[in-house]
Amino acid sequence: MKIEPENHEIKGKPPKMEREDLLEESKLGFDFFFTKFPHVSKIQILWFFLVNYCWVVGGLVQSILDTRYNTSYEEGLLFSPKDSCSQFSNIDSLCSSNMSLETCLQQLADNSGSLEIEACSSGYIFDKSVFTRTVTTDFELVCENAYIESTISSIFFAGLFFGVFIFGPITDKIGRTKASVIASFLNFERMISGFFSISAGTGTFVYTMEVIGPKYRTWFGCMTQGIFAVGYALLSLVGYLLKDWQDQMIVLTLAPLFVIPIFLYLPYSTAWIYSQKQYKDARENVKLIGKKYAIETDEKFLDELENSVKAQQKSENTGKIYTQIGNWLFL
């Protein structure tokens, strides 16, 4: 009689691992938070748009209006050379004060080859049909003064360069929302504007990465750059409604005031509180967010979340790192 060997294989699905074992194996860190809370919801989307309002402010104050000036077709063709920064030097010898416009135009057309060119010495005439006053028209930032606009832009981008390196650690120290509020209010003058606009953006970008679940972080991280473009677009609306650049500056100066109610409403970043090892405050913040979602956060979940964060803090593996540039590489 043939004896079959005993089969000790367990049929069906293997027994489920304990939650703690799964936690230790996956090392979720703070992302364990999203095992109970949604990765994205209406509340998180609202927080996303509110916290990124500083990008709108940054776009408003960073735009530079183009130079806007022209002449009529006949004047442009005959009374001035092709180079808009030059003028004819001997035009007075061809057109006298008692000569009709038609005769003067004919004289200029007949002697166009003999006209001499020199740099403009009597100022410039600007078209004010669109804007009554701009910085360019008030200070004549054209021709030999055009380099000033380029210099101002270079100073601004120098502020961007230093701001992203210097203010990044500050957001880790004092918190995302506080750093963004401070940076938004200090967003004035050109280099300082560049410095603090990127500083506010850095804090809000990190805040976005911490309140959005890992499934959607890449998309929302890229969308922060789109909100910056909204600020650029809004400046066109401001320019359409207000023709004087000083009136526009008043509006742009008042824009950061909306930051106050926004950041009073936004909750602190729970991930940042945990990173500061303020575990008691972090637990209270999780409970507060749970009330907004109508999700019960019992002590067991809070203990597991805290243990998950502590395990990741002790581990060399800090998980996936999200950056403003790196997000585009994952699309």
Foldseek 3Di string as FASTA:
>chain_A
DDDDDDDPDDDDDDDDDDPLVVLLVVLCALLLLCVQPPLDDPVLVVLLVLLLLLLLLLLQVQDDDDAAFDDDPLCCVFQADPPQQKGFDCLCVQDDPPDDPVSSSVSSVVCVVVTDIDGDDPADGGDPPQFVADPCRVVVCDDVNVVVVVVLNVLQVVLLVVQVVPLLVVCLVPHLLVQLLVLSLQLDGRSSVSNSSNSNVNSSLVLSLQSHRPVCNLVSLQCSVVSSVVSNVVNVVLCRVHRHHVVSVVVSNCSSVVSVVSSVPDQTRLSSCVVVVVLVVSVVSSCVVCVVVVHDDDPVNSVSNSVSNVSCVPDPDVDDDDDSVVSVVVD
